Amino acid sequence: MSNTTFRRHFPHIAREITESRSTPGGSSSGEERQSRLDTVVARNAKLKITNRTLKGHLKLAAAQIQRLASESAQLRQALEASAKVTRIGTARQPRPWKVNV
């Protein structure tokens, strides 16, 4: 992700990074840095769990869409067959070309 995109979508995090870089190295205590690190690690773990859950939901939704599409095609074919509908523009087998020598 480019810096511009990161700053546009996550301005609060970009500000925190800028502030942490602009402060002299010894100004924040080790406990404060550890506390921030613990917060980030906990937030990251929570996001990983949420991401895993959402991936599962997405896979399930895709499977349902595939099933419904297949079922819809079968029902449409059955309906057209029972109503004796003739499809126009169906794919035909190509005719072999005759070569006159």
PDB file of N, CA and C in Angstrom:
ATOM      1  N   MET A   1       0.860  -1.161   0.000  1.00  0.00           N
ATOM      2  CA  MET A   1       0.000   0.000   0.000  1.00  0.00           C
ATOM      3  C   MET A   1       0.912   1.232   0.000  1.00  0.00           C
ATOM      4  N   SER A   2       0.607   2.180  -0.834  1.00  0.00           N
ATOM      5  CA  SER A   2       1.442   3.380  -0.908  1.00  0.00           C
ATOM      6  C   SER A   2       1.200   4.264   0.313  1.00  0.00           C
ATOM      7  N   ASN A   3       2.149   5.142   0.573  1.00  0.00           N
ATOM      8  CA  ASN A   3       2.030   6.048   1.717  1.00  0.00           C
ATOM      9  C   ASN A   3       0.803   6.935   1.603  1.00  0.00           C
ATOM     10  N   THR A   4       0.541   7.447   0.400  1.00  0.00           N
ATOM     11  CA  THR A   4      -0.609   8.332   0.208  1.00  0.00           C
ATOM     12  C   THR A   4      -1.906   7.611   0.506  1.00  0.00           C
ATOM     13  N   THR A   5      -2.055   6.399   0.006  1.00  0.00           N
ATOM     14  CA  THR A   5      -3.267   5.617   0.266  1.00  0.00           C
ATOM     15  C   THR A   5      -3.411   5.332   1.749  1.00  0.00           C
ATOM     16  N   PHE A   6      -2.297   4.970   2.394  1.00  0.00           N
ATOM     17  CA  PHE A   6      -2.336   4.701   3.831  1.00  0.00           C
ATOM     18  C   PHE A   6      -2.769   5.942   4.596  1.00  0.00           C
ATOM     19  N   ARG A   7      -2.180   7.083   4.275  1.00  0.00           N
ATOM     20  CA  ARG A   7      -2.529   8.329   4.975  1.00  0.00           C
ATOM     21  C   ARG A   7      -3.974   8.736   4.722  1.00  0.00           C
ATOM     22  N   ARG A   8      -4.471   8.469   3.516  1.00  0.00           N
ATOM     23  CA  ARG A   8      -5.851   8.838   3.185  1.00  0.00           C
ATOM     24  C   ARG A   8      -6.861   7.982   3.953  1.00  0.00           C
ATOM     25  N   HIS A   9      -6.583   6.698   4.065  1.00  0.00           N
ATOM     26  CA  HIS A   9      -7.542   5.786   4.686  1.00  0.00           C
ATOM     27  C   HIS A   9      -7.354   5.629   6.193  1.00  0.00           C
ATOM     28  N   PHE A  10      -6.153   5.883   6.685  1.00  0.00           N
ATOM     29  CA  PHE A  10      -5.879   5.723   8.114  1.00  0.00           C
ATOM     30  C   PHE A  10      -5.148   6.950   8.661  1.00  0.00           C
ATOM     31  N   PRO A  11      -5.783   8.132   8.631  1.00  0.00           N
ATOM     32  CA  PRO A  11      -5.083   9.347   9.051  1.00  0.00           C
ATOM     33  C   PRO A  11      -4.670   9.329  10.521  1.00  0.00           C
ATOM     34  N   HIS A  12      -5.487   8.715  11.367  1.00  0.00           N
ATOM     35  CA  HIS A  12      -5.155   8.686  12.792  1.00  0.00           C
ATOM     36  C   HIS A  12      -3.886   7.866  13.059  1.00  0.00           C
ATOM     37  N   ILE A  13      -3.725   6.766  12.355  1.00  0.00           N
ATOM     38  CA  ILE A  13      -2.524   5.943  12.532  1.00  0.00           C
ATOM     39  C   ILE A  13      -1.304   6.673  11.959  1.00  0.00           C
ATOM     40  N   ALA A  14      -1.488   7.339  10.826  1.00  0.00           N
ATOM     41  CA  ALA A  14      -0.377   8.095  10.226  1.00  0.00           C
ATOM     42  C   ALA A  14       0.087   9.201  11.168  1.00  0.00           C
ATOM     43  N   ARG A  15      -0.875   9.873  11.830  1.00  0.00           N
ATOM     44  CA  ARG A  15      -0.519  10.919  12.795  1.00  0.00           C
ATOM     45  C   ARG A  15       0.269  10.337  13.959  1.00  0.00           C
ATOM     46  N   GLU A  16      -0.182   9.178  14.464  1.00  0.00           N
ATOM     47  CA  GLU A  16       0.522   8.534  15.574  1.00  0.00           C
ATOM     48  C   GLU A  16       1.957   8.181  15.191  1.00  0.00           C
ATOM     49  N   ILE A  17       2.140   7.679  13.989  1.00  0.00           N
ATOM     50  CA  ILE A  17       3.483   7.321  13.530  1.00  0.00           C
ATOM     51  C   ILE A  17       4.345   8.573  13.403  1.00  0.00           C
ATOM     52  N   THR A  18       3.773   9.635  12.829  1.00  0.00           N
ATOM     53  CA  THR A  18       4.514  10.876  12.674  1.00  0.00           C
ATOM     54  C   THR A  18       4.912  11.443  14.029  1.00  0.00           C
ATOM     55  N   GLU A  19       3.977  11.424  14.972  1.00  0.00           N
ATOM     56  CA  GLU A  19       4.270  11.948  16.307  1.00  0.00           C
ATOM     57  C   GLU A  19       5.337  11.117  17.010  1.00  0.00           C
ATOM     58  N   SER A  20       5.271   9.797  16.867  1.00  0.00           N
ATOM     59  CA  SER A  20       6.253   8.954  17.538  1.00  0.00           C
ATOM     60  C   SER A  20       7.641   9.142  16.937  1.00  0.00           C
ATOM     61  N   ARG A  21       7.732   9.450  15.661  1.00  0.00           N
ATOM     62  CA  ARG A  21       9.023   9.686  15.022  1.00  0.00           C
ATOM     63  C   ARG A  21       9.579  11.065  15.383  1.00  0.00           C
ATOM     64  N   SER A  22       8.684  12.043  15.573  1.00  0.00           N
ATOM     65  CA  SER A  22       9.140  13.405  15.824  1.00  0.00           C
ATOM     66  C   SER A  22       9.586  13.616  17.268  1.00  0.00           C
ATOM     67  N   THR A  23       9.136  12.767  18.195  1.00  0.00           N
ATOM     68  CA  THR A  23       9.556  12.917  19.591  1.00  0.00           C
ATOM     69  C   THR A  23      10.937  12.328  19.765  1.00  0.00           C
ATOM     70  N   PRO A  24      11.765  12.917  20.606  1.00  0.00           N
ATOM     71  CA  PRO A  24      13.099  12.351  20.850  1.00  0.00           C
ATOM     72  C   PRO A  24      12.983  10.933  21.400  1.00  0.00           C
ATOM     73  N   GLY A  25      13.991  10.122  21.163  1.00  0.00           N
ATOM     74  CA  GLY A  25      13.960   8.705  21.503  1.00  0.00           C
ATOM     75  C   GLY A  25      13.660   8.395  22.946  1.00  0.00           C
ATOM     76  N   GLY A  26      14.100   9.223  23.907  1.00  0.00           N
ATOM     77  CA  GLY A  26      13.915   8.884  25.309  1.00  0.00           C
ATOM     78  C   GLY A  26      12.720   9.543  25.956  1.00  0.00           C
ATOM     79  N   SER A  27      11.853  10.231  25.174  1.00  0.00           N
ATOM     80  CA  SER A  27      10.766  10.990  25.799  1.00  0.00           C
ATOM     81  C   SER A  27       9.629  10.107  26.295  1.00  0.00           C
ATOM     82  N   SER A  28       9.342   8.994  25.624  1.00  0.00           N
ATOM     83  CA  SER A  28       8.255   8.132  26.100  1.00  0.00           C
ATOM     84  C   SER A  28       8.857   6.988  26.907  1.00  0.00           C
ATOM     85  N   SER A  29       8.155   6.613  27.931  1.00  0.00           N
ATOM     86  CA  SER A  29       8.677   5.575  28.824  1.00  0.00           C
ATOM     87  C   SER A  29       8.532   4.195  28.193  1.00  0.00           C
ATOM     88  N   GLY A  30       9.313   3.265  28.690  1.00  0.00           N
ATOM     89  CA  GLY A  30       9.248   1.894  28.197  1.00  0.00           C
ATOM     90  C   GLY A  30       7.904   1.260  28.479  1.00  0.00           C
ATOM     91  N   GLU A  31       7.313   1.604  29.615  1.00  0.00           N
ATOM     92  CA  GLU A  31       5.990   1.063  29.964  1.00  0.00           C
ATOM     93  C   GLU A  31       4.926   1.558  28.993  1.00  0.00           C
ATOM     94  N   GLU A  32       5.032   2.835  28.619  1.00  0.00           N
ATOM     95  CA  GLU A  32       4.050   3.402  27.695  1.00  0.00           C
ATOM     96  C   GLU A  32       4.158   2.726  26.326  1.00  0.00           C
ATOM     97  N   ARG A  33       5.399   2.509  25.874  1.00  0.00           N
ATOM     98  CA  ARG A  33       5.595   1.826  24.593  1.00  0.00           C
ATOM     99  C   ARG A  33       5.076   0.389  24.653  1.00  0.00           C
ATOM    100  N   GLN A  34       5.323  -0.286  25.760  1.00  0.00           N
ATOM    101  CA  GLN A  34       4.843  -1.658  25.926  1.00  0.00           C
ATOM    102  C   GLN A  34       3.326  -1.692  25.947  1.00  0.00           C
ATOM    103  N   SER A  35       2.716  -0.701  26.595  1.00  0.00           N
ATOM    104  CA  SER A  35       1.258  -0.622  26.652  1.00  0.00           C
ATOM    105  C   SER A  35       0.679  -0.446  25.248  1.00  0.00           C
ATOM    106  N   ARG A  36       1.309   0.430  24.458  1.00  0.00           N
ATOM    107  CA  ARG A  36       0.841   0.631  23.081  1.00  0.00           C
ATOM    108  C   ARG A  36       1.026  -0.644  22.262  1.00  0.00           C
ATOM    109  N   LEU A  37       2.147  -1.305  22.463  1.00  0.00           N
ATOM    110  CA  LEU A  37       2.405  -2.551  21.742  1.00  0.00           C
ATOM    111  C   LEU A  37       1.368  -3.606  22.103  1.00  0.00           C
ATOM    112  N   ASP A  38       1.048  -3.732  23.384  1.00  0.00           N
ATOM    113  CA  ASP A  38       0.026  -4.692  23.821  1.00  0.00           C
ATOM    114  C   ASP A  38      -1.322  -4.369  23.189  1.00  0.00           C
ATOM    115  N   THR A  39      -1.646  -3.083  23.110  1.00  0.00           N
ATOM    116  CA  THR A  39      -2.912  -2.662  22.496  1.00  0.00           C
ATOM    117  C   THR A  39      -2.950  -3.049  21.023  1.00  0.00           C
ATOM    118  N   VAL A  40      -1.853  -2.789  20.328  1.00  0.00           N
ATOM    119  CA  VAL A  40      -1.792  -3.115  18.898  1.00  0.00           C
ATOM    120  C   VAL A  40      -1.865  -4.626  18.682  1.00  0.00           C
ATOM    121  N   VAL A  41      -1.164  -5.383  19.513  1.00  0.00           N
ATOM    122  CA  VAL A  41      -1.185  -6.845  19.382  1.00  0.00           C
ATOM    123  C   VAL A  41      -2.590  -7.384  19.636  1.00  0.00           C
ATOM    124  N   ALA A  42      -3.270  -6.863  20.647  1.00  0.00           N
ATOM    125  CA  ALA A  42      -4.639  -7.315  20.946  1.00  0.00           C
ATOM    126  C   ALA A  42      -5.584  -6.944  19.810  1.00  0.00           C
ATOM    127  N   ARG A  43      -5.443  -5.734  19.286  1.00  0.00           N
ATOM    128  CA  ARG A  43      -6.305  -5.289  18.184  1.00  0.00           C
ATOM    129  C   ARG A  43      -6.062  -6.153  16.945  1.00  0.00           C
ATOM    130  N   ASN A  44      -4.797  -6.477  16.693  1.00  0.00           N
ATOM    131  CA  ASN A  44      -4.448  -7.319  15.549  1.00  0.00           C
ATOM    132  C   ASN A  44      -5.043  -8.719  15.685  1.00  0.00           C
ATOM    133  N   ALA A  45      -4.977  -9.290  16.880  1.00  0.00           N
ATOM    134  CA  ALA A  45      -5.548 -10.625  17.109  1.00  0.00           C
ATOM    135  C   ALA A  45      -7.050 -10.613  16.882  1.00  0.00           C
ATOM    136  N   LYS A  46      -7.701  -9.571  17.360  1.00  0.00           N
ATOM    137  CA  LYS A  46      -9.154  -9.463  17.178  1.00  0.00           C
ATOM    138  C   LYS A  46      -9.500  -9.334  15.699  1.00  0.00           C
ATOM    139  N   LEU A  47      -8.712  -8.540  14.956  1.00  0.00           N
ATOM    140  CA  LEU A  47      -8.952  -8.383  13.524  1.00  0.00           C
ATOM    141  C   LEU A  47      -8.726  -9.687  12.764  1.00  0.00           C
ATOM    142  N   LYS A  48      -7.748 -10.471  13.176  1.00  0.00           N
ATOM    143  CA  LYS A  48      -7.511 -11.764  12.528  1.00  0.00           C
ATOM    144  C   LYS A  48      -8.701 -12.701  12.716  1.00  0.00           C
ATOM    145  N   ILE A  49      -9.254 -12.715  13.912  1.00  0.00           N
ATOM    146  CA  ILE A  49     -10.420 -13.563  14.183  1.00  0.00           C
ATOM    147  C   ILE A  49     -11.605 -13.107  13.347  1.00  0.00           C
ATOM    148  N   THR A  50     -11.827 -11.796  13.313  1.00  0.00           N
ATOM    149  CA  THR A  50     -12.935 -11.244  12.523  1.00  0.00           C
ATOM    150  C   THR A  50     -12.733 -11.561  11.044  1.00  0.00           C
ATOM    151  N   ASN A  51     -11.515 -11.412  10.560  1.00  0.00           N
ATOM    152  CA  ASN A  51     -11.206 -11.695   9.159  1.00  0.00           C
ATOM    153  C   ASN A  51     -11.480 -13.157   8.826  1.00  0.00           C
ATOM    154  N   ARG A  52     -11.078 -14.067   9.705  1.00  0.00           N
ATOM    155  CA  ARG A  52     -11.310 -15.499   9.491  1.00  0.00           C
ATOM    156  C   ARG A  52     -12.818 -15.787   9.428  1.00  0.00           C
ATOM    157  N   THR A  53     -13.574 -15.174  10.316  1.00  0.00           N
ATOM    158  CA  THR A  53     -15.028 -15.361  10.330  1.00  0.00           C
ATOM    159  C   THR A  53     -15.656 -14.850   9.036  1.00  0.00           C
ATOM    160  N   LEU A  54     -15.232 -13.666   8.602  1.00  0.00           N
ATOM    161  CA  LEU A  54     -15.785 -13.086   7.378  1.00  0.00           C
ATOM    162  C   LEU A  54     -15.416 -13.901   6.146  1.00  0.00           C
ATOM    163  N   LYS A  55     -14.208 -14.471   6.124  1.00  0.00           N
ATOM    164  CA  LYS A  55     -13.829 -15.343   5.009  1.00  0.00           C
ATOM    165  C   LYS A  55     -14.740 -16.559   4.941  1.00  0.00           C
ATOM    166  N   GLY A  56     -15.061 -17.119   6.096  1.00  0.00           N
ATOM    167  CA  GLY A  56     -15.980 -18.256   6.135  1.00  0.00           C
ATOM    168  C   GLY A  56     -17.356 -17.890   5.619  1.00  0.00           C
ATOM    169  N   HIS A  57     -17.836 -16.707   6.017  1.00  0.00           N
ATOM    170  CA  HIS A  57     -19.143 -16.243   5.541  1.00  0.00           C
ATOM    171  C   HIS A  57     -19.127 -16.026   4.033  1.00  0.00           C
ATOM    172  N   LEU A  58     -18.023 -15.491   3.526  1.00  0.00           N
ATOM    173  CA  LEU A  58     -17.906 -15.239   2.096  1.00  0.00           C
ATOM    174  C   LEU A  58     -17.912 -16.545   1.304  1.00  0.00           C
ATOM    175  N   LYS A  59     -17.195 -17.549   1.786  1.00  0.00           N
ATOM    176  CA  LYS A  59     -17.184 -18.853   1.113  1.00  0.00           C
ATOM    177  C   LYS A  59     -18.582 -19.474   1.099  1.00  0.00           C
ATOM    178  N   LEU A  60     -19.273 -19.364   2.222  1.00  0.00           N
ATOM    179  CA  LEU A  60     -20.625 -19.905   2.309  1.00  0.00           C
ATOM    180  C   LEU A  60     -21.570 -19.179   1.352  1.00  0.00           C
ATOM    181  N   ALA A  61     -21.457 -17.854   1.287  1.00  0.00           N
ATOM    182  CA  ALA A  61     -22.312 -17.071   0.387  1.00  0.00           C
ATOM    183  C   ALA A  61     -22.032 -17.434  -1.065  1.00  0.00           C
ATOM    184  N   ALA A  62     -20.765 -17.600  -1.427  1.00  0.00           N
ATOM    185  CA  ALA A  62     -20.421 -17.970  -2.801  1.00  0.00           C
ATOM    186  C   ALA A  62     -20.978 -19.343  -3.151  1.00  0.00           C
ATOM    187  N   ALA A  63     -20.905 -20.281  -2.222  1.00  0.00           N
ATOM    188  CA  ALA A  63     -21.453 -21.613  -2.467  1.00  0.00           C
ATOM    189  C   ALA A  63     -22.970 -21.556  -2.648  1.00  0.00           C
ATOM    190  N   GLN A  64     -23.634 -20.731  -1.857  1.00  0.00           N
ATOM    191  CA  GLN A  64     -25.090 -20.591  -1.975  1.00  0.00           C
ATOM    192  C   GLN A  64     -25.460 -19.977  -3.327  1.00  0.00           C
ATOM    193  N   ILE A  65     -24.688 -18.980  -3.772  1.00  0.00           N
ATOM    194  CA  ILE A  65     -24.958 -18.350  -5.070  1.00  0.00           C
ATOM    195  C   ILE A  65     -24.779 -19.364  -6.191  1.00  0.00           C
ATOM    196  N   GLN A  66     -23.730 -20.171  -6.113  1.00  0.00           N
ATOM    197  CA  GLN A  66     -23.517 -21.195  -7.134  1.00  0.00           C
ATOM    198  C   GLN A  66     -24.666 -22.194  -7.151  1.00  0.00           C
ATOM    199  N   ARG A  67     -25.097 -22.617  -5.976  1.00  0.00           N
ATOM    200  CA  ARG A  67     -26.199 -23.576  -5.893  1.00  0.00           C
ATOM    201  C   ARG A  67     -27.471 -22.976  -6.484  1.00  0.00           C
ATOM    202  N   LEU A  68     -27.767 -21.735  -6.130  1.00  0.00           N
ATOM    203  CA  LEU A  68     -28.980 -21.088  -6.633  1.00  0.00           C
ATOM    204  C   LEU A  68     -28.929 -20.878  -8.144  1.00  0.00           C
ATOM    205  N   ALA A  69     -27.761 -20.541  -8.677  1.00  0.00           N
ATOM    206  CA  ALA A  69     -27.627 -20.360 -10.122  1.00  0.00           C
ATOM    207  C   ALA A  69     -27.877 -21.679 -10.850  1.00  0.00           C
ATOM    208  N   SER A  70     -27.316 -22.752 -10.319  1.00  0.00           N
ATOM    209  CA  SER A  70     -27.509 -24.062 -10.931  1.00  0.00           C
ATOM    210  C   SER A  70     -28.980 -24.481 -10.859  1.00  0.00           C
ATOM    211  N   GLU A  71     -29.578 -24.292  -9.695  1.00  0.00           N
ATOM    212  CA  GLU A  71     -30.986 -24.648  -9.508  1.00  0.00           C
ATOM    213  C   GLU A  71     -31.880 -23.812 -10.417  1.00  0.00           C
ATOM    214  N   SER A  72     -31.566 -22.541 -10.567  1.00  0.00           N
ATOM    215  CA  SER A  72     -32.348 -21.656 -11.431  1.00  0.00           C
ATOM    216  C   SER A  72     -32.283 -22.116 -12.882  1.00  0.00           C
ATOM    217  N   ALA A  73     -31.095 -22.497 -13.339  1.00  0.00           N
ATOM    218  CA  ALA A  73     -30.947 -22.975 -14.720  1.00  0.00           C
ATOM    219  C   ALA A  73     -31.743 -24.251 -14.951  1.00  0.00           C
ATOM    220  N   GLN A  74     -31.708 -25.160 -13.984  1.00  0.00           N
ATOM    221  CA  GLN A  74     -32.467 -26.405 -14.111  1.00  0.00           C
ATOM    222  C   GLN A  74     -33.970 -26.131 -14.150  1.00  0.00           C
ATOM    223  N   LEU A  75     -34.430 -25.240 -13.272  1.00  0.00           N
ATOM    224  CA  LEU A  75     -35.862 -24.909 -13.252  1.00  0.00           C
ATOM    225  C   LEU A  75     -36.294 -24.211 -14.540  1.00  0.00           C
ATOM    226  N   ARG A  76     -35.434 -23.333 -15.057  1.00  0.00           N
ATOM    227  CA  ARG A  76     -35.762 -22.645 -16.313  1.00  0.00           C
ATOM    228  C   ARG A  76     -35.871 -23.660 -17.451  1.00  0.00           C
ATOM    229  N   GLN A  77     -34.947 -24.619 -17.506  1.00  0.00           N
ATOM    230  CA  GLN A  77     -34.998 -25.646 -18.555  1.00  0.00           C
ATOM    231  C   GLN A  77     -36.264 -26.481 -18.431  1.00  0.00           C
ATOM    232  N   ALA A  78     -36.622 -26.850 -17.207  1.00  0.00           N
ATOM    233  CA  ALA A  78     -37.835 -27.655 -17.000  1.00  0.00           C
ATOM    234  C   ALA A  78     -39.075 -26.868 -17.405  1.00  0.00           C
ATOM    235  N   LEU A  79     -39.116 -25.594 -17.062  1.00  0.00           N
ATOM    236  CA  LEU A  79     -40.265 -24.758 -17.425  1.00  0.00           C
ATOM    237  C   LEU A  79     -40.369 -24.598 -18.931  1.00  0.00           C
ATOM    238  N   GLU A  80     -39.248 -24.337 -19.586  1.00  0.00           N
ATOM    239  CA  GLU A  80     -39.268 -24.181 -21.040  1.00  0.00           C
ATOM    240  C   GLU A  80     -39.652 -25.486 -21.736  1.00  0.00           C
ATOM    241  N   ALA A  81     -39.203 -26.604 -21.196  1.00  0.00           N
ATOM    242  CA  ALA A  81     -39.552 -27.899 -21.794  1.00  0.00           C
ATOM    243  C   ALA A  81     -41.043 -28.172 -21.638  1.00  0.00           C
ATOM    244  N   SER A  82     -41.595 -27.859 -20.475  1.00  0.00           N
ATOM    245  CA  SER A  82     -43.024 -28.127 -20.267  1.00  0.00           C
ATOM    246  C   SER A  82     -43.905 -27.165 -21.060  1.00  0.00           C
ATOM    247  N   ALA A  83     -43.408 -25.956 -21.324  1.00  0.00           N
ATOM    248  CA  ALA A  83     -44.183 -24.978 -22.098  1.00  0.00           C
ATOM    249  C   ALA A  83     -43.861 -25.071 -23.582  1.00  0.00           C
ATOM    250  N   LYS A  84     -42.981 -25.989 -23.932  1.00  0.00           N
ATOM    251  CA  LYS A  84     -42.563 -26.210 -25.317  1.00  0.00           C
ATOM    252  C   LYS A  84     -42.021 -24.923 -25.949  1.00  0.00           C
ATOM    253  N   VAL A  85     -41.122 -24.278 -25.227  1.00  0.00           N
ATOM    254  CA  VAL A  85     -40.495 -23.053 -25.707  1.00  0.00           C
ATOM    255  C   VAL A  85     -39.288 -23.428 -26.556  1.00  0.00           C
ATOM    256  N   THR A  86     -39.204 -22.788 -27.715  1.00  0.00           N
ATOM    257  CA  THR A  86     -38.055 -22.995 -28.586  1.00  0.00           C
ATOM    258  C   THR A  86     -37.133 -21.799 -28.418  1.00  0.00           C
ATOM    259  N   ARG A  87     -35.904 -22.073 -28.102  1.00  0.00           N
ATOM    260  CA  ARG A  87     -34.935 -20.985 -27.913  1.00  0.00           C
ATOM    261  C   ARG A  87     -34.399 -20.552 -29.273  1.00  0.00           C
ATOM    262  N   ILE A  88     -34.285 -19.263 -29.441  1.00  0.00           N
ATOM    263  CA  ILE A  88     -33.710 -18.702 -30.659  1.00  0.00           C
ATOM    264  C   ILE A  88     -32.273 -18.302 -30.347  1.00  0.00           C
ATOM    265  N   GLY A  89     -31.419 -18.607 -31.274  1.00  0.00           N
ATOM    266  CA  GLY A  89     -30.026 -18.207 -31.104  1.00  0.00           C
ATOM    267  C   GLY A  89     -29.236 -19.120 -30.202  1.00  0.00           C
ATOM    268  N   THR A  90     -29.632 -20.358 -30.110  1.00  0.00           N
ATOM    269  CA  THR A  90     -28.850 -21.293 -29.312  1.00  0.00           C
ATOM    270  C   THR A  90     -27.581 -21.628 -30.064  1.00  0.00           C
ATOM    271  N   ALA A  91     -26.586 -22.039 -29.364  1.00  0.00           N
ATOM    272  CA  ALA A  91     -25.309 -22.392 -29.988  1.00  0.00           C
ATOM    273  C   ALA A  91     -25.504 -23.635 -30.845  1.00  0.00           C
ATOM    274  N   ARG A  92     -25.129 -23.526 -32.067  1.00  0.00           N
ATOM    275  CA  ARG A  92     -25.242 -24.662 -32.988  1.00  0.00           C
ATOM    276  C   ARG A  92     -23.867 -25.242 -33.224  1.00  0.00           C
ATOM    277  N   GLN A  93     -23.876 -26.488 -33.638  1.00  0.00           N
ATOM    278  CA  GLN A  93     -22.612 -27.131 -33.993  1.00  0.00           C
ATOM    279  C   GLN A  93     -22.126 -26.516 -35.308  1.00  0.00           C
ATOM    280  N   PRO A  94     -20.857 -26.163 -35.387  1.00  0.00           N
ATOM    281  CA  PRO A  94     -20.362 -25.585 -36.641  1.00  0.00           C
ATOM    282  C   PRO A  94     -20.377 -26.627 -37.758  1.00  0.00           C
ATOM    283  N   ARG A  95     -20.752 -26.168 -38.925  1.00  0.00           N
ATOM    284  CA  ARG A  95     -20.775 -27.077 -40.080  1.00  0.00           C
ATOM    285  C   ARG A  95     -19.359 -27.227 -40.614  1.00  0.00           C
ATOM    286  N   PRO A  96     -19.019 -28.436 -40.958  1.00  0.00           N
ATOM    287  CA  PRO A  96     -17.680 -28.608 -41.542  1.00  0.00           C
ATOM    288  C   PRO A  96     -17.645 -27.962 -42.920  1.00  0.00           C
ATOM    289  N   TRP A  97     -16.569 -27.276 -43.222  1.00  0.00           N
ATOM    290  CA  TRP A  97     -16.423 -26.611 -44.513  1.00  0.00           C
ATOM    291  C   TRP A  97     -16.062 -27.643 -45.570  1.00  0.00           C
ATOM    292  N   LYS A  98     -16.692 -27.465 -46.732  1.00  0.00           N
ATOM    293  CA  LYS A  98     -16.362 -28.322 -47.870  1.00  0.00           C
ATOM    294  C   LYS A  98     -15.246 -27.651 -48.653  1.00  0.00           C
ATOM    295  N   VAL A  99     -14.250 -28.386 -48.919  1.00  0.00           N
ATOM    296  CA  VAL A  99     -13.140 -27.851 -49.702  1.00  0.00           C
ATOM    297  C   VAL A  99     -13.204 -28.482 -51.085  1.00  0.00           C
ATOM    298  N   ASN A 100     -13.378 -27.636 -52.092  1.00  0.00           N
ATOM    299  CA  ASN A 100     -13.398 -28.126 -53.468  1.00  0.00           C
ATOM    300  C   ASN A 100     -11.986 -27.994 -54.048  1.00  0.00           C
ATOM    301  N   VAL A 101     -11.444 -29.110 -54.455  1.00  0.00           N
ATOM    302  CA  VAL A 101     -10.092 -29.091 -55.009  1.00  0.00           C
ATOM    303  C   VAL A 101     -10.140 -29.351 -56.472  1.00  0.00           C
TER     304      VAL A 101
END
